[in-house]
Amino acid sequence: MPHSGQHEQTGWVYKTRVALTVLFFGILPWQTRWIYRASPIHPDAEWGRLSLYASELLLAVFLIGALVRWFVQWRRGAVRWQTFTRERWWLVGALAVLLYGVLRSVLNDDSSAGLQHTWWILEAILVAIFLHTGWFPWRAAVRGVIVGLSIAAVFGIYQAMVQYVPGSTWFGSAEHRPEWGGSSVVETAETRFLRAYGPFPHPNIFGGYLVLALILVIARADFNRPEAIPSELRGLSGLLRRSQGSLLAMTILFSIALALSFSRSAWIAWIVAMFVAMAWRKKHALFPVVVSVLTMGVVLGALWPVTITRFDRTARLESRAIEERTASIADGIAAWKQTPWFGVGPAQYMNTFFVQHPDTPWWQLAPPHNVFILMLVEYGVTGALLVIVMDVLFLWYLAWRGGSRALLWFLPLVLLMQFDHYLWSLYSGVMLVGLYAGFCAHFIHTLPTLRAHESS
């Protein structure tokens, strides 16, 4: 599939694709979905629940459009078969991972949940491919992410200010109050501070998406030369168009929301992302990085009792959270040892654990807070090796395009995987991996042009 620069930039078909791209990335953070089967663990449990998200319907439209376009070109004799280069080897690895996921799913008692998880992986791969090849018009994709997450950031800041998360069936958000058990809060001696959820089911997922948004703004923008700002980052819905103010506003907005998520894993990923941005963009990233750091410092300083409690290992909730995370990892390793080679199957860990520990309250169930361990439990050594091979081939191609130093952009994502499970266990997390891979691949692909621009 050709890159975006080769697509015809006129006509209603292209304009429709641009509009749908903005819509897809704009609604992706919102968890609007149709739940057509409840979890076998409990009707209110997430694990094992079968859903169809609104963003999946839009992605299906893009997939059908790509297949139709290819078929029309094939009938016209315009399809040229190219040699199998190193750029395509990772797709072989991806195909192997998908086939393994399907095979392990059909061999499980709950094959539907496993097939749904495998479908999520396919969707993430499609998002990365469509971003890299230009089937998602690049400027429209960035605009969709920025606009969608800007609205989400405002929503998250509002939640922190009023200390309430409104529930909505249409937007897929659950109601949360600081005094309710099960809500993500930071408990101090005086109060329980409700963390910002945004439109996501957990503040940590909100924080992970905000880190990506900050990377997009800082890595692509040149605050020192307004005329060099890429057009996809100029303005937000027509506001502050063609000005440094729009970029400054987005940096401040995302940084405030990130601080209010009180997600330690996202904060660590953000710190690493700022260092990577400085290493790549140097003086061009200095101003936005400083603005982001100062904004985070002001917000967290204003909420200092809450902030310092988040790092107090002796605080009641923080101590319990650490114990639960440590126990979940130990439980995951123990489960992996029972079926080390082929795992328990995609999306089967929680159901397997609940069957083995029926006395555990369903609301206390959680996968291991480490993507690598959870993947090992569900896919076994065999499946995990296939995933590793796919990832290595993908990174090998990117390193070939942009140099090994370009792989530093993936460090924030690896850190998020190290401290949480949602990037493997939940739809929004799996899609975040696809977004990250696609945007980084496109950025690395355009490095020669960006370097020539910066040296001019």
Protein backbone atom coordinates (compact mmCIF):
# COMPACT_ATOMS: atom_id res chain seq x y z
CA MET A 1 0.00 0.00 0.00
CA PRO A 2 1.50 3.38 -0.89
CA HIS A 3 2.32 6.14 1.53
CA SER A 4 0.00 9.08 2.10
CA GLY A 5 1.93 11.33 -0.20
CA GLN A 6 1.01 9.08 -3.10
CA HIS A 7 -2.74 9.23 -2.45
CA GLU A 8 -4.77 11.66 -4.48
CA GLN A 9 -5.53 14.58 -2.18
CA THR A 10 -8.77 15.63 -3.87
CA GLY A 11 -12.20 14.12 -4.39
CA TRP A 12 -15.01 13.13 -2.08
CA VAL A 13 -13.53 9.70 -1.37
CA TYR A 14 -10.36 11.13 0.09
CA LYS A 15 -12.25 13.85 1.99
CA THR A 16 -14.55 11.20 3.44
CA ARG A 17 -11.54 9.17 4.54
CA VAL A 18 -10.07 12.26 6.22
CA ALA A 19 -13.32 12.94 8.07
CA LEU A 20 -13.68 9.32 9.18
CA THR A 21 -10.04 9.26 10.33
CA VAL A 22 -10.58 12.28 12.55
CA LEU A 23 -13.78 10.69 13.87
CA PHE A 24 -12.10 7.33 14.55
CA PHE A 25 -9.22 8.77 16.56
CA GLY A 26 -11.54 11.27 18.23
CA ILE A 27 -13.92 8.64 19.61
CA LEU A 28 -11.27 6.00 20.38
CA PRO A 29 -10.75 7.22 23.97
CA TRP A 30 -14.49 6.98 24.66
CA GLN A 31 -15.62 3.53 25.71
CA THR A 32 -18.95 3.55 23.87
CA ARG A 33 -19.81 -0.09 23.23
CA TRP A 34 -22.48 -2.73 22.96
CA ILE A 35 -22.04 -5.45 25.59
CA TYR A 36 -23.60 -8.56 24.15
CA ARG A 37 -22.40 -11.04 26.77
CA ALA A 38 -21.76 -10.55 30.46
CA SER A 39 -18.70 -11.92 32.20
CA PRO A 40 -18.98 -15.55 33.36
CA ILE A 41 -17.34 -14.45 36.61
CA HIS A 42 -19.97 -11.85 37.56
CA PRO A 43 -22.39 -9.65 35.57
CA ASP A 44 -20.49 -6.52 36.67
CA ALA A 45 -17.01 -7.94 36.08
CA GLU A 46 -15.00 -6.83 33.05
CA TRP A 47 -13.01 -10.02 32.55
CA GLY A 48 -14.62 -12.31 29.99
CA ARG A 49 -17.18 -9.71 28.93
CA LEU A 50 -17.85 -9.60 25.18
CA SER A 51 -18.26 -6.14 23.65
CA LEU A 52 -18.33 -4.30 20.36
CA TYR A 53 -16.89 -0.78 20.54
CA ALA A 54 -18.03 2.09 18.33
CA SER A 55 -14.43 2.66 17.19
CA GLU A 56 -14.28 -0.96 16.00
CA LEU A 57 -17.13 -0.29 13.58
CA LEU A 58 -15.23 2.63 12.07
CA LEU A 59 -12.06 0.55 11.81
CA ALA A 60 -14.07 -2.12 9.98
CA VAL A 61 -15.13 0.55 7.46
CA PHE A 62 -11.47 1.42 6.83
CA LEU A 63 -10.56 -2.25 6.43
CA ILE A 64 -13.37 -2.82 3.93
CA GLY A 65 -12.35 0.34 2.08
CA ALA A 66 -8.74 -0.83 1.86
CA LEU A 67 -9.80 -4.24 0.52
CA VAL A 68 -12.15 -2.67 -2.03
CA ARG A 69 -9.46 -0.27 -3.19
CA TRP A 70 -6.97 -3.10 -3.58
CA PHE A 71 -9.51 -5.21 -5.50
CA VAL A 72 -10.34 -2.35 -7.89
CA GLN A 73 -6.66 -1.70 -8.56
CA TRP A 74 -6.08 -5.42 -9.07
CA ARG A 75 -8.89 -5.59 -11.63
CA ARG A 76 -7.34 -2.62 -13.42
CA GLY A 77 -3.95 -4.29 -13.43
CA ALA A 78 -2.49 -1.50 -11.29
CA VAL A 79 -1.30 -3.81 -8.50
CA ARG A 80 2.42 -4.43 -8.70
CA TRP A 81 3.81 -7.28 -6.66
CA GLN A 82 7.01 -6.16 -4.97
CA THR A 83 9.88 -8.19 -3.64
CA PHE A 84 9.62 -9.36 -0.05
CA THR A 85 11.83 -6.86 1.78
CA ARG A 86 12.81 -6.58 5.42
CA GLU A 87 9.94 -4.09 5.83
CA ARG A 88 7.47 -6.96 5.54
CA TRP A 89 9.09 -9.67 7.66
CA TRP A 90 7.38 -8.42 10.82
CA LEU A 91 4.03 -9.03 9.12
CA VAL A 92 4.93 -12.72 8.91
CA GLY A 93 5.52 -12.65 12.65
CA ALA A 94 2.20 -10.87 13.17
CA LEU A 95 0.41 -13.51 11.13
CA ALA A 96 2.01 -16.25 13.24
CA VAL A 97 0.85 -14.53 16.46
CA LEU A 98 -2.71 -14.20 15.16
CA LEU A 99 -2.86 -17.83 14.03
CA TYR A 100 -1.55 -18.95 17.40
CA GLY A 101 -4.16 -16.81 19.18
CA VAL A 102 -6.97 -18.30 17.10
CA LEU A 103 -5.73 -21.86 17.64
CA ARG A 104 -5.39 -21.45 21.42
CA SER A 105 -8.80 -19.77 21.57
CA VAL A 106 -10.73 -22.55 19.84
CA LEU A 107 -9.10 -25.10 22.14
CA ASN A 108 -10.38 -23.31 25.26
CA ASP A 109 -13.73 -23.72 26.99
CA ASP A 110 -14.47 -20.00 26.48
CA SER A 111 -13.31 -19.60 22.90
CA SER A 112 -15.32 -16.40 22.34
CA ALA A 113 -13.30 -14.35 24.83
CA GLY A 114 -10.04 -15.63 23.34
CA LEU A 115 -11.14 -14.84 19.79
CA GLN A 116 -12.17 -11.36 20.90
CA HIS A 117 -8.71 -10.74 22.36
CA THR A 118 -7.07 -12.03 19.17
CA TRP A 119 -9.30 -9.71 17.16
CA TRP A 120 -8.12 -6.79 19.32
CA ILE A 121 -4.52 -7.66 18.46
CA LEU A 122 -5.43 -7.76 14.76
CA GLU A 123 -7.10 -4.36 15.09
CA ALA A 124 -4.02 -2.90 16.77
CA ILE A 125 -1.85 -4.25 13.95
CA LEU A 126 -4.23 -2.75 11.38
CA VAL A 127 -4.07 0.65 13.12
CA ALA A 128 -0.25 0.54 13.01
CA ILE A 129 -0.28 -0.46 9.34
CA PHE A 130 -2.87 2.15 8.33
CA LEU A 131 -0.93 4.88 10.15
CA HIS A 132 2.39 3.84 8.66
CA THR A 133 1.16 3.46 5.09
CA GLY A 134 -1.05 6.53 5.03
CA TRP A 135 -4.41 4.81 4.70
CA PHE A 136 -5.16 6.89 7.79
CA PRO A 137 -4.21 10.36 6.44
CA TRP A 138 -1.45 11.45 8.79
CA ARG A 139 -2.61 14.98 9.52
CA ALA A 140 -6.16 13.81 10.09
CA ALA A 141 -4.97 11.08 12.46
CA VAL A 142 -2.92 13.50 14.57
CA ARG A 143 -5.77 16.01 14.59
CA GLY A 144 -8.19 13.31 15.71
CA VAL A 145 -5.96 12.18 18.56
CA ILE A 146 -5.28 15.73 19.73
CA VAL A 147 -8.94 16.80 19.58
CA GLY A 148 -10.23 13.58 21.15
CA LEU A 149 -7.75 13.61 24.00
CA SER A 150 -8.17 17.36 24.53
CA ILE A 151 -11.86 16.79 25.22
CA ALA A 152 -10.94 13.81 27.40
CA ALA A 153 -8.40 15.94 29.30
CA VAL A 154 -10.98 18.65 29.99
CA PHE A 155 -13.37 15.92 31.18
CA GLY A 156 -10.69 14.49 33.47
CA ILE A 157 -9.82 17.90 34.95
CA TYR A 158 -13.51 18.50 35.60
CA GLN A 159 -13.74 15.15 37.42
CA ALA A 160 -10.84 16.07 39.70
CA MET A 161 -12.27 19.51 40.41
CA VAL A 162 -15.76 18.33 41.38
CA GLN A 163 -14.53 14.98 42.77
CA TYR A 164 -17.11 13.05 40.81
CA VAL A 165 -17.10 10.88 37.68
CA PRO A 166 -20.55 10.86 36.07
CA GLY A 167 -21.75 7.58 34.67
CA SER A 168 -22.99 7.34 31.11
CA THR A 169 -24.14 4.33 29.13
CA TRP A 170 -23.68 6.15 25.84
CA PHE A 171 -20.10 7.17 26.59
CA GLY A 172 -19.18 3.94 28.38
CA SER A 173 -18.14 5.57 31.66
CA ALA A 174 -18.97 4.24 35.13
CA GLU A 175 -19.97 6.48 38.01
CA HIS A 176 -17.36 7.07 40.72
CA ARG A 177 -17.33 8.98 43.98
CA PRO A 178 -14.37 9.27 46.38
CA GLU A 179 -16.31 7.73 49.27
CA TRP A 180 -17.24 4.62 47.29
CA GLY A 181 -15.20 1.45 47.59
CA GLY A 182 -13.60 0.41 44.32
CA SER A 183 -13.00 3.99 43.14
CA SER A 184 -9.38 4.93 42.44
CA VAL A 185 -8.47 7.45 45.12
CA VAL A 186 -5.49 8.76 47.02
CA GLU A 187 -6.29 8.60 50.71
CA THR A 188 -4.70 11.17 53.01
CA ALA A 189 -5.28 11.76 56.71
CA GLU A 190 -7.94 14.36 55.88
CA THR A 191 -9.66 13.14 52.73
CA ARG A 192 -10.00 10.68 49.87
CA PHE A 193 -9.00 12.40 46.63
CA LEU A 194 -10.65 10.95 43.51
CA ARG A 195 -8.14 10.50 40.69
CA ALA A 196 -9.05 11.70 37.19
CA TYR A 197 -10.46 8.89 35.03
CA GLY A 198 -11.17 10.85 31.86
CA PRO A 199 -13.33 8.65 29.61
CA PHE A 200 -11.43 5.49 30.56
CA PRO A 201 -12.21 2.69 33.03
CA HIS A 202 -9.10 3.50 35.11
CA PRO A 203 -6.85 6.54 35.68
CA ASN A 204 -3.75 4.58 34.65
CA ILE A 205 -5.16 4.10 31.14
CA PHE A 206 -5.99 7.82 31.03
CA GLY A 207 -2.39 8.60 31.98
CA GLY A 208 -0.99 6.28 29.31
CA TYR A 209 -2.97 8.02 26.56
CA LEU A 210 -1.94 11.46 27.84
CA VAL A 211 1.73 10.48 27.60
CA LEU A 212 1.19 9.60 23.94
CA ALA A 213 -0.59 12.93 23.36
CA LEU A 214 2.32 14.87 24.87
CA ILE A 215 4.79 12.93 22.74
CA LEU A 216 2.82 13.81 19.60
CA VAL A 217 2.76 17.50 20.47
CA ILE A 218 6.37 17.80 21.60
CA ALA A 219 8.02 15.47 19.10
CA ARG A 220 6.42 17.01 16.02
CA ALA A 221 6.20 20.70 16.94
CA ASP A 222 8.84 23.40 16.65
CA PHE A 223 8.05 26.01 19.28
CA ASN A 224 11.03 28.11 18.31
CA ARG A 225 9.83 28.76 14.75
CA PRO A 226 6.05 29.24 14.40
CA GLU A 227 6.21 28.96 10.63
CA ALA A 228 7.72 25.46 10.98
CA ILE A 229 4.86 24.06 13.06
CA PRO A 230 3.34 21.12 11.15
CA SER A 231 -0.14 21.98 9.92
CA GLU A 232 -1.64 18.92 11.63
CA LEU A 233 -0.82 20.52 14.98
CA ARG A 234 -1.91 24.06 14.13
CA GLY A 235 -4.96 24.96 16.10
CA LEU A 236 -7.64 22.99 17.88
CA SER A 237 -10.99 23.09 16.12
CA GLY A 238 -10.08 26.46 14.60
CA LEU A 239 -8.95 27.98 17.91
CA LEU A 240 -5.54 29.63 18.15
CA ARG A 241 -4.80 28.55 14.60
CA ARG A 242 -1.24 28.97 13.30
CA SER A 243 0.10 30.12 16.65
CA GLN A 244 2.45 28.90 19.31
CA GLY A 245 -0.39 29.46 21.74
CA SER A 246 -2.30 26.39 20.55
CA LEU A 247 0.69 24.12 21.08
CA LEU A 248 1.42 25.72 24.43
CA ALA A 249 -2.23 25.30 25.47
CA MET A 250 -2.25 21.61 24.51
CA THR A 251 0.99 20.97 26.40
CA ILE A 252 -0.41 22.61 29.53
CA LEU A 253 -3.80 20.90 29.19
CA PHE A 254 -2.37 17.40 28.79
CA SER A 255 0.15 17.97 31.59
CA ILE A 256 -2.55 19.11 34.04
CA ALA A 257 -4.70 16.07 33.25
CA LEU A 258 -1.69 13.76 33.53
CA ALA A 259 -0.87 15.16 36.96
CA LEU A 260 -4.48 14.72 38.14
CA SER A 261 -4.55 11.09 37.00
CA PHE A 262 -2.03 10.40 39.78
CA SER A 263 -0.79 7.45 37.74
CA ARG A 264 2.73 6.66 38.87
CA SER A 265 3.39 4.40 35.90
CA ALA A 266 2.30 7.16 33.50
CA TRP A 267 4.46 9.69 35.36
CA ILE A 268 7.51 7.47 34.98
CA ALA A 269 6.75 7.00 31.27
CA TRP A 270 6.30 10.79 30.93
CA ILE A 271 9.70 11.49 32.52
CA VAL A 272 11.38 9.08 30.10
CA ALA A 273 9.42 10.56 27.17
CA MET A 274 10.68 14.05 28.05
CA PHE A 275 14.28 12.82 28.08
CA VAL A 276 13.79 11.07 24.73
CA ALA A 277 12.25 14.21 23.24
CA MET A 278 15.21 16.25 24.42
CA ALA A 279 17.63 13.71 22.99
CA TRP A 280 15.92 13.80 19.58
CA ARG A 281 14.67 17.36 19.18
CA LYS A 282 17.27 19.07 21.40
CA LYS A 283 16.61 22.83 21.46
CA HIS A 284 13.31 22.42 19.60
CA ALA A 285 11.87 20.35 22.47
CA LEU A 286 13.36 22.41 25.30
CA PHE A 287 10.53 24.92 25.65
CA PRO A 288 7.59 22.46 25.59
CA VAL A 289 9.42 20.08 27.92
CA VAL A 290 10.05 22.91 30.40
CA VAL A 291 6.41 24.00 30.14
CA SER A 292 5.21 20.45 30.78
CA VAL A 293 7.56 20.00 33.76
CA LEU A 294 6.55 23.33 35.28
CA THR A 295 2.86 22.58 34.79
CA MET A 296 3.18 19.19 36.44
CA GLY A 297 5.17 20.76 39.26
CA VAL A 298 2.59 23.48 39.91
CA VAL A 299 -0.38 21.07 39.94
CA LEU A 300 1.32 18.45 42.10
CA GLY A 301 2.70 21.16 44.39
CA ALA A 302 -0.75 22.62 44.87
CA LEU A 303 -1.95 19.15 45.86
CA TRP A 304 1.16 18.32 47.85
CA PRO A 305 -0.51 16.29 50.67
CA VAL A 306 -2.11 14.09 48.02
CA THR A 307 1.07 13.94 45.95
CA ILE A 308 3.36 12.92 48.78
CA THR A 309 0.85 10.28 49.94
CA ARG A 310 1.04 8.67 46.48
CA PHE A 311 4.68 7.82 47.26
CA ASP A 312 4.16 6.90 50.92
CA ARG A 313 4.52 3.14 51.14
CA THR A 314 3.16 3.21 54.70
CA ALA A 315 -0.15 4.83 53.73
CA ARG A 316 -3.06 2.38 54.02
CA LEU A 317 -4.25 2.30 50.42
CA GLU A 318 -0.79 2.67 48.92
CA SER A 319 0.52 -0.19 51.03
CA ARG A 320 -2.43 -2.36 50.05
CA ALA A 321 -1.98 -1.50 46.38
CA ILE A 322 1.66 -2.56 46.48
CA GLU A 323 0.74 -5.80 48.25
CA GLU A 324 -1.98 -6.56 45.70
CA ARG A 325 0.33 -5.88 42.78
CA THR A 326 3.05 -8.07 44.26
CA ALA A 327 0.53 -10.85 44.96
CA SER A 328 -0.92 -10.63 41.43
CA ILE A 329 2.51 -11.08 39.89
CA ALA A 330 3.24 -14.05 42.18
CA ASP A 331 -0.14 -15.59 41.29
CA GLY A 332 0.60 -15.05 37.59
CA ILE A 333 3.95 -16.81 37.81
CA ALA A 334 2.33 -19.68 39.70
CA ALA A 335 -0.36 -20.00 37.02
CA TRP A 336 2.25 -19.97 34.25
CA LYS A 337 4.13 -22.84 35.89
CA GLN A 338 1.00 -25.01 35.57
CA THR A 339 0.93 -24.66 31.76
CA PRO A 340 4.33 -23.22 30.85
CA TRP A 341 4.53 -24.06 27.14
CA PHE A 342 1.16 -23.08 25.71
CA GLY A 343 -0.42 -21.03 28.50
CA VAL A 344 -4.02 -20.97 29.70
CA GLY A 345 -5.21 -19.29 26.49
CA PRO A 346 -5.99 -15.72 25.38
CA ALA A 347 -8.15 -13.79 27.87
CA GLN A 348 -8.40 -16.90 30.08
CA TYR A 349 -6.23 -16.01 33.07
CA MET A 350 -8.93 -14.37 35.20
CA ASN A 351 -11.46 -17.13 34.59
CA THR A 352 -8.82 -19.78 35.34
CA PHE A 353 -7.77 -18.02 38.53
CA PHE A 354 -11.38 -17.60 39.68
CA VAL A 355 -12.11 -21.29 39.15
CA GLN A 356 -9.04 -22.21 41.21
CA HIS A 357 -9.81 -19.60 43.92
CA PRO A 358 -13.63 -19.45 44.12
CA ASP A 359 -13.57 -17.78 47.53
CA THR A 360 -11.90 -14.64 46.13
CA PRO A 361 -14.42 -11.77 45.78
CA TRP A 362 -14.85 -10.97 42.10
CA TRP A 363 -14.15 -7.25 42.59
CA GLN A 364 -10.69 -8.07 43.94
CA LEU A 365 -9.71 -10.02 40.83
CA ALA A 366 -7.06 -8.42 38.64
CA PRO A 367 -4.50 -9.76 36.16
CA PRO A 368 -0.78 -9.55 36.98
CA HIS A 369 0.29 -5.92 36.82
CA ASN A 370 2.92 -6.68 34.21
CA VAL A 371 2.15 -7.21 30.54
CA PHE A 372 5.05 -9.57 30.00
CA ILE A 373 4.01 -11.92 32.80
CA LEU A 374 0.34 -11.81 31.76
CA MET A 375 1.29 -12.58 28.15
CA LEU A 376 3.46 -15.47 29.33
CA VAL A 377 0.60 -16.87 31.43
CA GLU A 378 -1.96 -16.73 28.61
CA TYR A 379 0.25 -17.53 25.61
CA GLY A 380 2.89 -19.70 27.25
CA VAL A 381 6.52 -19.79 26.20
CA THR A 382 5.56 -20.75 22.63
CA GLY A 383 3.17 -17.86 22.06
CA ALA A 384 5.34 -15.37 23.94
CA LEU A 385 8.29 -16.23 21.69
CA LEU A 386 6.12 -15.58 18.63
CA VAL A 387 5.15 -12.17 20.02
CA ILE A 388 8.80 -11.40 20.79
CA VAL A 389 9.86 -12.40 17.27
CA MET A 390 7.17 -10.15 15.78
CA ASP A 391 8.27 -7.23 17.96
CA VAL A 392 11.96 -7.74 17.22
CA LEU A 393 11.32 -7.84 13.46
CA PHE A 394 9.24 -4.66 13.70
CA LEU A 395 11.89 -2.85 15.73
CA TRP A 396 14.62 -4.17 13.43
CA TYR A 397 12.88 -2.57 10.48
CA LEU A 398 12.46 0.73 12.33
CA ALA A 399 16.10 0.71 13.42
CA TRP A 400 17.08 0.11 9.81
CA ARG A 401 15.03 3.14 8.79
CA GLY A 402 15.97 5.56 11.54
CA GLY A 403 18.93 4.09 13.40
CA SER A 404 18.95 2.16 16.64
CA ARG A 405 18.63 5.39 18.62
CA ALA A 406 15.15 5.81 17.16
CA LEU A 407 13.98 2.89 19.27
CA LEU A 408 14.26 5.13 22.34
CA TRP A 409 10.76 6.32 21.47
CA PHE A 410 9.43 2.93 22.61
CA LEU A 411 10.89 3.20 26.12
CA PRO A 412 7.79 4.93 27.59
CA LEU A 413 5.58 2.16 26.19
CA VAL A 414 7.84 -0.55 27.64
CA LEU A 415 7.70 1.13 31.04
CA LEU A 416 3.91 1.27 30.94
CA MET A 417 3.91 -2.47 30.18
CA GLN A 418 6.25 -3.08 33.09
CA PHE A 419 3.91 -1.59 35.69
CA ASP A 420 0.40 -2.45 34.48
CA HIS A 421 -1.67 -5.00 32.56
CA TYR A 422 -4.21 -2.95 30.57
CA LEU A 423 -1.99 -2.79 27.47
CA TRP A 424 -2.71 -6.51 27.05
CA SER A 425 -5.94 -7.17 28.95
CA LEU A 426 -8.26 -4.33 27.81
CA TYR A 427 -9.35 -3.08 24.40
CA SER A 428 -8.28 0.51 25.07
CA GLY A 429 -4.84 -0.68 26.17
CA VAL A 430 -4.27 -2.96 23.18
CA MET A 431 -5.28 -0.11 20.87
CA LEU A 432 -2.85 2.21 22.65
CA VAL A 433 -0.04 -0.17 21.66
CA GLY A 434 -1.23 -0.01 18.05
CA LEU A 435 -1.36 3.80 18.16
CA TYR A 436 2.09 3.99 19.66
CA ALA A 437 3.60 1.60 17.10
CA GLY A 438 1.91 3.35 14.17
CA PHE A 439 2.80 6.90 15.16
CA CYS A 440 6.39 5.95 16.02
CA ALA A 441 6.77 4.06 12.73
CA HIS A 442 5.51 7.04 10.76
CA PHE A 443 7.70 9.44 12.70
CA ILE A 444 10.80 7.32 12.18
CA HIS A 445 9.92 6.95 8.49
CA THR A 446 9.90 10.76 8.15
CA LEU A 447 13.12 11.29 10.13
CA PRO A 448 15.25 12.07 7.05
CA THR A 449 12.84 14.87 6.05
CA LEU A 450 12.61 16.18 9.63
CA ARG A 451 16.39 16.19 10.04
CA ALA A 452 16.85 18.02 6.75
CA HIS A 453 14.27 20.58 7.88
CA GLU A 454 15.95 21.15 11.24
CA SER A 455 19.39 21.51 9.70
CA SER A 456 18.15 24.17 7.26
